[in-house]
Each structure stands twice: as C-alpha cells, then as structure tokens.
Amino acid sequence: MPFAVLGAAYTVPMNSPLNIGVIGLGVMGQRMLERLNAHPRLKATLVWDADGAALHRTLQTHPGLQAATGAAPLIASSGLHGLYIATPPAAHMAFSEAAFDAGLAVLCEKPLTVDFEAARRCIARIEREGQRAAVNFSLASSPGLAAAWQAFGMQGEASVGALQAVQIELRFAAWPRPWQAAAGDWLSQRAEGGFVREVLSHFIFVLQRVLGPAEVEHSHVGYPTDGRSAETALQARLRVGGIEVQIDGRVDSVLPMADHNRMLWRGSEGELELRDWFGLRRRKTGQDWSDVGDAATHRATGQADQLEQWVALIEGRSHGLPGYGEALAVQQTIEVLLAGREGR
C-alpha cells in the first residue's frame, strides 16, 4: 500500500531496546502496555496519568515500570526513544510538540485533536523538520485494509469487479461501551467523544486511504436533548471518487448485538466485507460468503505488524502507519459528519 513515509535520520544500535514513555493509562494505555510487554524491542519504561489511582494500579500490575511525576518530566526524561499518547484528544498537540522538542518519536491515539489550527501547525513542523509521528488507527496494519486496497485501490486486482458502492454499519447497545467505563466522562460527551469519532473514524480512515478524500453529501445526527452528551445516531451519505458511501450508526439498548461494525465493499462481480474489526470475507455474485482467513489470526497479525511499523517509525525508516496529516484529513470528514449537512 502507499503512504509509507520516511522520518528524520535516527541512529539506534541494531536490535537494541527501544524505550517508550506512556502518557494516559486508561483502557488504550493498558492494552498497549500488555502488547509492549510481549515485544522483543519496544519496552515501556516510564508512565504517567493525571489520575493517581490509575497510575497506582498500573504500577501494581506492571512492577517493572517507573512513574513520572508529570507529563513534562516524563517527556524530558533521558533514555526514551518514543512516546505513546493515550490521553483525551485536547492534550495531544501539546504533548506531541513537547515530544518533538525532546527528540522523541510519537505514536498518538485518535481522535488527533480538538484544535485544527494547532494540528496544522504541528503537521507543518513534522514536514519541515522530518519529525517522526503516527496515529493509532488499528486497521492500518490489518489484512482487511490490505484486501480492500488490492481489490479497489490504484493497483486493484478487480477480484470482485469494479467498485460500485460502500456501506458502513455500526451498532452499540450502550455508549461508552462497558469496557470503556473507566475512560472518563469525555468519551460520553460531544465535545471530544462519541462513537463517530472513536469508532467510525477507523472506517473513514480505511475508506480515504483506499479511495481518497471524501465529500459529505448528507448527514443527520441524533443527539440527546441535554446539550452535552455525545451522539446516539448517524445516517449519512458520502461520495469518494464518484463512489457512493452510505453510513448507518446507532446506539440502542434493545439492539441484539452489543458492539458490531461492518464495512461492505460492493463490486460489479461480488462483495468484500470487513466485519467486527478483523473479520474478513468475500463472495462472488450469486455465491455464498467465504471467510478469508480467521479473524483472531488477522487481529494478531495486524497488531504484530503495527508494532514492527512502530519500530520503523522510531528508527526513521519507511513505514505504513498513518501520519498526522492523514489523521487530520480523517477528522475533517468526521467533524463535517457531526456538524450535520442537508442532502442535495
């Protein structure tokens, strides 16, 4: 796939440990710590969270870690090679800029920002100085993205014919989902959170990486009446390179599936489906669906590849992780969707 980028030259001894500082110890921070524990080179060494209880629990679970006294002291600590940012998005740009000042490579969670101007300044700096930065879209290293690119990207193999339409479907019995309960109120509020930013953005990333920039033609958003809580429904229509994309997302406690996502690519000779993150199947017109590999294997393969891409990012080598510019382009589409737009 395209979008491999080369960062500034950075010399590190071959096969030596790459020390990672982690800011933000909620669900995503904890998951990343578990993954780093199993990696032969990437090693979380220093952590911090504004929630002292979360920091304490993390140190009990991972006794080999050290706690910083704050975000700024962590970023300024000697011996780090990279920074992983898993905080709410309002802090992302400031932490990124500080990390660049300290000579660190950055892997940041999405959404990228709540301040587009700050993000544009940060992206300009990355391009000007060759800073090393990427955003954690989990599908970036997935076999599902690779399959969509092979079928419909610029070098498409036309395995299911010419692309005719795309459908994206999201279903949640509750938002935030129960496993996100400890993430904080921001995730349930419309200023920074909501399922459109947190989940749909992954699929808009896949869509735009394969097909290019998206134009929102119509968007209807359902919000609670309290003026504060995040969206509970989205119906939208986009157009990408002449291809119509339909989006239907809902939060509803009576739904039979507690957490479901589906991205259907309809070709002239068949269909390709990305389902529940790493599930992948294909069918020719008139035939039954056929699984393409195993979803659990796809997840493990994608996550392992992402960490290897992270190593390449830190070392200044070519990689396929989404950069800040690509992540901002995704968020621009997301924010237009959330603003609502009457159909034409």
Protein backbone atom coordinates (compact mmCIF):
# COMPACT_ATOMS: atom_id res chain seq x y z
CA MET A 1 0.00 0.00 0.00
CA PRO A 2 1.11 3.63 -0.36
CA PHE A 3 1.68 6.27 2.29
CA ALA A 4 4.96 4.79 3.50
CA VAL A 5 6.94 7.73 4.82
CA LEU A 6 10.49 8.32 5.87
CA GLY A 7 11.24 10.23 9.02
CA ALA A 8 14.37 12.10 10.03
CA ALA A 9 17.53 10.03 10.21
CA TYR A 10 17.81 8.44 13.62
CA THR A 11 20.57 6.12 14.69
CA VAL A 12 19.96 3.38 17.23
CA PRO A 13 22.05 0.23 17.68
CA MET A 14 20.62 -2.72 15.77
CA ASN A 15 18.28 -4.89 17.87
CA SER A 16 18.74 -2.74 20.98
CA PRO A 17 15.70 -1.99 23.21
CA LEU A 18 13.56 0.99 22.27
CA ASN A 19 12.28 2.63 25.44
CA ILE A 20 8.75 4.02 25.35
CA GLY A 21 7.12 6.52 27.68
CA VAL A 22 3.36 6.19 28.07
CA ILE A 23 1.08 9.11 28.95
CA GLY A 24 -2.50 8.04 29.64
CA LEU A 25 -3.28 4.81 31.48
CA GLY A 26 -6.92 4.22 30.63
CA VAL A 27 -8.16 1.34 28.51
CA MET A 28 -5.97 2.06 25.50
CA GLY A 29 -2.90 2.70 27.63
CA GLN A 30 -3.39 -0.59 29.46
CA ARG A 31 -3.87 -2.53 26.24
CA MET A 32 -0.74 -1.06 24.76
CA LEU A 33 1.28 -1.89 27.87
CA GLU A 34 0.24 -5.53 27.53
CA ARG A 35 1.30 -5.59 23.91
CA LEU A 36 4.62 -3.91 24.63
CA ASN A 37 5.34 -6.46 27.35
CA ALA A 38 5.46 -9.16 24.69
CA HIS A 39 7.58 -7.30 22.14
CA PRO A 40 11.29 -8.11 21.83
CA ARG A 41 12.40 -4.48 21.37
CA LEU A 42 9.69 -1.98 22.28
CA LYS A 43 9.75 -1.58 26.06
CA ALA A 44 7.50 0.64 28.16
CA THR A 45 9.71 2.07 30.89
CA LEU A 46 8.11 5.27 32.20
CA VAL A 47 4.41 6.08 32.68
CA TRP A 48 2.16 8.85 33.90
CA ASP A 49 -1.54 9.62 34.23
CA ALA A 50 -3.34 12.57 35.77
CA ASP A 51 -5.45 10.05 37.71
CA GLY A 52 -3.28 8.96 40.62
CA ALA A 53 -5.39 5.84 41.19
CA ALA A 54 -4.87 4.70 37.59
CA LEU A 55 -1.15 5.28 37.95
CA HIS A 56 -1.05 3.28 41.19
CA ARG A 57 -2.98 0.37 39.67
CA THR A 58 -0.67 0.31 36.68
CA LEU A 59 2.45 0.13 38.84
CA GLN A 60 0.93 -2.75 40.79
CA THR A 61 0.12 -4.63 37.59
CA HIS A 62 3.46 -3.82 35.94
CA PRO A 63 6.02 -3.55 38.76
CA GLY A 64 8.89 -3.07 36.31
CA LEU A 65 7.58 0.35 35.26
CA GLN A 66 8.58 3.65 36.79
CA ALA A 67 6.18 6.52 37.41
CA ALA A 68 6.98 10.03 36.27
CA THR A 69 5.90 13.00 38.39
CA GLY A 70 4.10 14.56 35.45
CA ALA A 71 3.79 14.61 31.67
CA ALA A 72 6.53 17.21 31.17
CA PRO A 73 9.11 15.37 33.34
CA LEU A 74 8.30 12.12 31.54
CA ILE A 75 8.84 13.64 28.10
CA ALA A 76 12.09 15.27 29.24
CA SER A 77 13.50 12.06 30.75
CA SER A 78 16.69 10.73 29.27
CA GLY A 79 16.82 7.29 27.74
CA LEU A 80 13.46 7.37 25.96
CA HIS A 81 13.15 6.72 22.24
CA GLY A 82 9.43 7.19 21.80
CA LEU A 83 6.23 8.48 23.38
CA TYR A 84 2.80 6.87 23.26
CA ILE A 85 -0.05 9.33 23.92
CA ALA A 86 -3.33 7.79 25.11
CA THR A 87 -4.98 10.80 26.73
CA PRO A 88 -8.19 12.60 25.71
CA PRO A 89 -7.56 14.48 22.44
CA ALA A 90 -7.38 18.01 23.86
CA ALA A 91 -3.82 17.36 25.09
CA HIS A 92 -2.47 15.59 22.01
CA MET A 93 -0.90 18.53 20.21
CA ALA A 94 0.87 19.98 23.26
CA PHE A 95 2.32 16.58 24.20
CA SER A 96 3.37 15.95 20.60
CA GLU A 97 5.16 19.27 20.32
CA ALA A 98 6.97 18.68 23.61
CA ALA A 99 7.99 15.21 22.45
CA PHE A 100 9.44 16.60 19.23
CA ASP A 101 11.40 19.15 21.29
CA ALA A 102 12.84 16.20 23.23
CA GLY A 103 13.75 14.27 20.07
CA LEU A 104 11.13 11.54 20.56
CA ALA A 105 9.08 9.64 18.01
CA VAL A 106 5.35 9.82 18.76
CA LEU A 107 2.52 7.34 18.40
CA CYS A 108 -0.72 9.13 19.28
CA GLU A 109 -4.24 7.88 19.81
CA LYS A 110 -7.12 9.20 17.76
CA PRO A 111 -9.03 11.47 17.50
CA LEU A 112 -5.97 13.52 16.71
CA THR A 113 -7.12 16.86 18.12
CA VAL A 114 -9.90 19.24 19.04
CA ASP A 115 -7.89 22.18 17.69
CA PHE A 116 -7.46 22.04 13.91
CA GLU A 117 -5.19 25.08 13.76
CA ALA A 118 -2.83 23.58 16.35
CA ALA A 119 -2.86 20.34 14.37
CA ARG A 120 -2.00 22.14 11.14
CA ARG A 121 0.93 23.90 12.84
CA CYS A 122 2.11 20.58 14.22
CA ILE A 123 1.84 18.90 10.81
CA ALA A 124 3.78 21.73 9.21
CA ARG A 125 6.53 21.23 11.79
CA ILE A 126 6.60 17.49 11.16
CA GLU A 127 7.02 18.09 7.43
CA ARG A 128 9.54 20.90 7.88
CA GLU A 129 11.75 19.13 10.39
CA GLY A 130 11.19 15.49 9.46
CA GLN A 131 9.70 14.70 12.88
CA ARG A 132 8.57 11.11 13.45
CA ALA A 133 4.87 10.85 14.27
CA ALA A 134 1.98 8.47 13.62
CA VAL A 135 -1.59 7.88 14.77
CA ASN A 136 -3.02 4.62 16.09
CA PHE A 137 -5.70 3.58 13.63
CA SER A 138 -5.98 -0.12 14.43
CA LEU A 139 -6.98 -1.13 10.90
CA ALA A 140 -3.91 0.46 9.30
CA SER A 141 -2.00 -2.82 9.51
CA SER A 142 -5.00 -5.10 9.07
CA PRO A 143 -5.46 -7.75 6.37
CA GLY A 144 -8.88 -6.18 5.77
CA LEU A 145 -7.35 -2.89 4.64
CA ALA A 146 -4.84 -4.78 2.51
CA ALA A 147 -7.68 -6.73 0.87
CA ALA A 148 -9.67 -3.56 0.14
CA TRP A 149 -6.60 -1.91 -1.32
CA GLN A 150 -5.81 -4.91 -3.50
CA ALA A 151 -9.40 -5.05 -4.75
CA PHE A 152 -10.17 -1.36 -5.21
CA GLY A 153 -7.03 0.73 -4.76
CA MET A 154 -4.95 2.24 -7.51
CA GLN A 155 -3.42 -1.14 -8.29
CA GLY A 156 -6.69 -3.02 -7.80
CA GLU A 157 -6.80 -6.64 -8.88
CA ALA A 158 -10.55 -6.43 -9.61
CA SER A 159 -11.18 -9.69 -7.73
CA VAL A 160 -14.82 -8.69 -7.22
CA GLY A 161 -15.06 -6.32 -10.15
CA ALA A 162 -15.24 -2.55 -10.31
CA LEU A 163 -16.32 -0.83 -7.09
CA GLN A 164 -19.93 0.36 -7.15
CA ALA A 165 -20.77 1.33 -3.55
CA VAL A 166 -19.65 1.10 0.09
CA GLN A 167 -21.80 0.65 3.19
CA ILE A 168 -20.67 1.19 6.79
CA GLU A 169 -22.83 -0.05 9.66
CA LEU A 170 -22.20 0.50 13.39
CA ARG A 171 -24.31 -0.77 16.28
CA PHE A 172 -23.85 -0.27 20.03
CA ALA A 173 -26.10 -1.34 22.89
CA ALA A 174 -24.51 1.40 25.03
CA TRP A 175 -22.06 4.26 24.63
CA PRO A 176 -19.49 4.29 26.06
CA ARG A 177 -19.25 0.52 25.88
CA PRO A 178 -19.00 -1.19 29.31
CA TRP A 179 -15.28 -1.86 28.94
CA GLN A 180 -14.72 1.88 28.41
CA ALA A 181 -16.40 2.86 31.69
CA ALA A 182 -13.11 3.91 33.29
CA ALA A 183 -12.08 6.13 30.38
CA GLY A 184 -13.67 9.25 31.87
CA ASP A 185 -16.65 11.46 31.11
CA TRP A 186 -15.05 12.94 27.99
CA LEU A 187 -15.82 9.80 25.98
CA SER A 188 -19.55 10.18 26.56
CA GLN A 189 -19.65 13.90 25.76
CA ARG A 190 -19.98 15.54 22.37
CA ALA A 191 -17.04 17.94 22.75
CA GLU A 192 -14.40 15.21 22.36
CA GLY A 193 -16.08 11.81 22.49
CA GLY A 194 -18.84 9.82 20.83
CA PHE A 195 -18.87 6.74 18.63
CA VAL A 196 -18.44 8.72 15.40
CA ARG A 197 -15.01 9.98 16.46
CA GLU A 198 -13.99 6.86 18.33
CA VAL A 199 -15.17 4.08 16.02
CA LEU A 200 -16.39 5.43 12.69
CA SER A 201 -13.07 7.24 12.25
CA HIS A 202 -11.31 3.88 11.80
CA PHE A 203 -13.51 3.09 8.82
CA ILE A 204 -13.29 6.59 7.34
CA PHE A 205 -9.52 6.11 7.54
CA VAL A 206 -9.79 2.85 5.54
CA LEU A 207 -12.15 4.49 3.05
CA GLN A 208 -9.92 7.50 2.45
CA ARG A 209 -6.70 5.54 2.29
CA VAL A 210 -8.12 3.28 -0.40
CA LEU A 211 -10.19 5.80 -2.37
CA GLY A 212 -9.01 9.29 -1.46
CA PRO A 213 -10.75 12.36 0.04
CA ALA A 214 -14.44 12.03 0.90
CA GLU A 215 -17.17 14.62 0.34
CA VAL A 216 -20.07 14.58 2.78
CA GLU A 217 -23.29 14.97 0.78
CA HIS A 218 -25.76 14.39 3.61
CA SER A 219 -25.50 13.84 7.36
CA HIS A 220 -28.20 13.59 10.01
CA VAL A 221 -27.02 13.26 13.62
CA GLY A 222 -29.19 12.29 16.58
CA TYR A 223 -28.20 13.92 19.87
CA PRO A 224 -29.68 13.63 23.37
CA THR A 225 -31.55 16.75 24.49
CA ASP A 226 -29.20 17.59 27.38
CA GLY A 227 -26.90 19.60 25.08
CA ARG A 228 -23.83 17.78 26.38
CA SER A 229 -23.97 14.05 25.65
CA ALA A 230 -22.50 12.54 22.52
CA GLU A 231 -24.49 11.41 19.50
CA THR A 232 -26.73 8.35 19.55
CA ALA A 233 -27.36 8.03 15.81
CA LEU A 234 -25.85 8.95 12.45
CA GLN A 235 -27.20 8.45 8.95
CA ALA A 236 -25.00 9.87 6.23
CA ARG A 237 -24.09 9.72 2.56
CA LEU A 238 -20.60 10.45 1.26
CA ARG A 239 -19.07 10.42 -2.19
CA VAL A 240 -15.48 9.38 -2.81
CA GLY A 241 -14.11 9.43 -6.35
CA GLY A 242 -17.61 9.03 -7.75
CA ILE A 243 -18.46 6.15 -5.37
CA GLU A 244 -21.44 6.49 -3.04
CA VAL A 245 -20.85 5.58 0.62
CA GLN A 246 -23.78 5.04 2.99
CA ILE A 247 -23.27 5.20 6.78
CA ASP A 248 -25.75 3.99 9.41
CA GLY A 249 -24.72 4.11 13.08
CA ARG A 250 -26.88 3.73 16.19
CA VAL A 251 -26.74 3.39 19.97
CA ASP A 252 -29.80 1.50 21.19
CA SER A 253 -30.11 -0.62 24.34
CA VAL A 254 -32.52 -3.06 22.66
CA LEU A 255 -30.11 -3.98 19.87
CA PRO A 256 -29.37 -7.72 19.63
CA MET A 257 -25.65 -7.04 19.14
CA ALA A 258 -23.86 -5.11 21.89
CA ASP A 259 -20.99 -3.94 19.68
CA HIS A 260 -20.99 -4.53 15.94
CA ASN A 261 -19.36 -2.98 12.89
CA ARG A 262 -19.48 -3.84 9.21
CA MET A 263 -17.91 -2.29 6.12
CA LEU A 264 -19.27 -3.72 2.85
CA TRP A 265 -17.49 -3.04 -0.45
CA ARG A 266 -19.84 -3.87 -3.35
CA GLY A 267 -18.20 -4.61 -6.68
CA SER A 268 -19.71 -5.36 -10.07
CA GLU A 269 -18.82 -9.05 -9.69
CA GLY A 270 -19.08 -9.61 -5.94
CA GLU A 271 -18.57 -8.17 -2.47
CA LEU A 272 -15.86 -7.79 0.17
CA GLU A 273 -16.82 -7.41 3.83
CA LEU A 274 -14.80 -6.21 6.84
CA ARG A 275 -16.75 -7.30 9.90
CA ASP A 276 -16.31 -6.74 13.65
CA TRP A 277 -12.86 -5.22 13.23
CA PHE A 278 -10.77 -8.08 11.89
CA GLY A 279 -13.28 -10.43 10.30
CA LEU A 280 -12.87 -10.62 6.51
CA ARG A 281 -14.95 -12.45 3.94
CA ARG A 282 -15.65 -12.34 0.22
CA ARG A 283 -18.21 -13.62 -2.25
CA LYS A 284 -18.73 -13.64 -5.98
CA THR A 285 -22.15 -12.61 -7.26
CA GLY A 286 -24.59 -15.48 -6.82
CA GLN A 287 -22.30 -17.42 -4.49
CA ASP A 288 -22.15 -17.83 -0.71
CA TRP A 289 -19.84 -15.86 1.56
CA SER A 290 -16.38 -17.33 2.12
CA ASP A 291 -14.22 -16.37 5.08
CA VAL A 292 -10.79 -15.07 4.16
CA GLY A 293 -8.67 -16.43 6.99
CA ASP A 294 -9.52 -16.35 10.69
CA ALA A 295 -10.50 -13.12 12.49
CA ALA A 296 -8.38 -13.89 15.57
CA THR A 297 -5.37 -14.61 13.38
CA HIS A 298 -5.97 -11.41 11.41
CA ARG A 299 -6.07 -9.43 14.66
CA ALA A 300 -2.82 -10.95 15.91
CA THR A 301 -1.13 -10.43 12.55
CA GLY A 302 -2.27 -6.82 12.30
CA GLN A 303 -1.22 -5.95 15.83
CA ALA A 304 2.19 -7.57 15.40
CA ASP A 305 2.74 -5.72 12.14
CA GLN A 306 1.75 -2.43 13.73
CA LEU A 307 4.45 -2.80 16.37
CA GLU A 308 7.04 -3.55 13.70
CA GLN A 309 5.91 -0.44 11.84
CA TRP A 310 6.34 1.47 15.12
CA VAL A 311 9.93 0.25 15.33
CA ALA A 312 10.50 1.51 11.79
CA LEU A 313 8.97 4.87 12.73
CA ILE A 314 11.31 5.25 15.70
CA GLU A 315 14.33 4.30 13.61
CA GLY A 316 13.39 6.75 10.88
CA ARG A 317 12.75 4.03 8.30
CA SER A 318 9.91 3.77 5.80
CA HIS A 319 6.63 2.65 7.37
CA GLY A 320 2.91 2.48 6.63
CA LEU A 321 1.44 3.95 9.82
CA PRO A 322 -0.97 6.87 9.34
CA GLY A 323 0.72 10.22 9.75
CA TYR A 324 -0.76 13.29 11.41
CA GLY A 325 -1.76 14.76 8.05
CA GLU A 326 -3.73 11.66 7.11
CA ALA A 327 -5.33 11.55 10.56
CA LEU A 328 -6.37 15.20 10.31
CA ALA A 329 -7.97 14.52 6.91
CA VAL A 330 -9.99 11.73 8.55
CA GLN A 331 -11.04 14.00 11.38
CA GLN A 332 -12.08 16.75 8.99
CA THR A 333 -14.55 14.32 7.43
CA ILE A 334 -15.69 13.19 10.88
CA GLU A 335 -16.36 16.74 12.09
CA VAL A 336 -18.37 17.58 8.96
CA LEU A 337 -20.46 14.47 9.61
CA LEU A 338 -21.05 15.53 13.22
CA ALA A 339 -21.99 19.06 12.21
CA GLY A 340 -24.82 17.71 10.05
CA ARG A 341 -25.48 18.53 6.42
CA GLU A 342 -28.71 18.61 4.43
CA GLY A 343 -28.70 16.34 1.39
CA ARG A 344 -28.52 17.66 -2.12
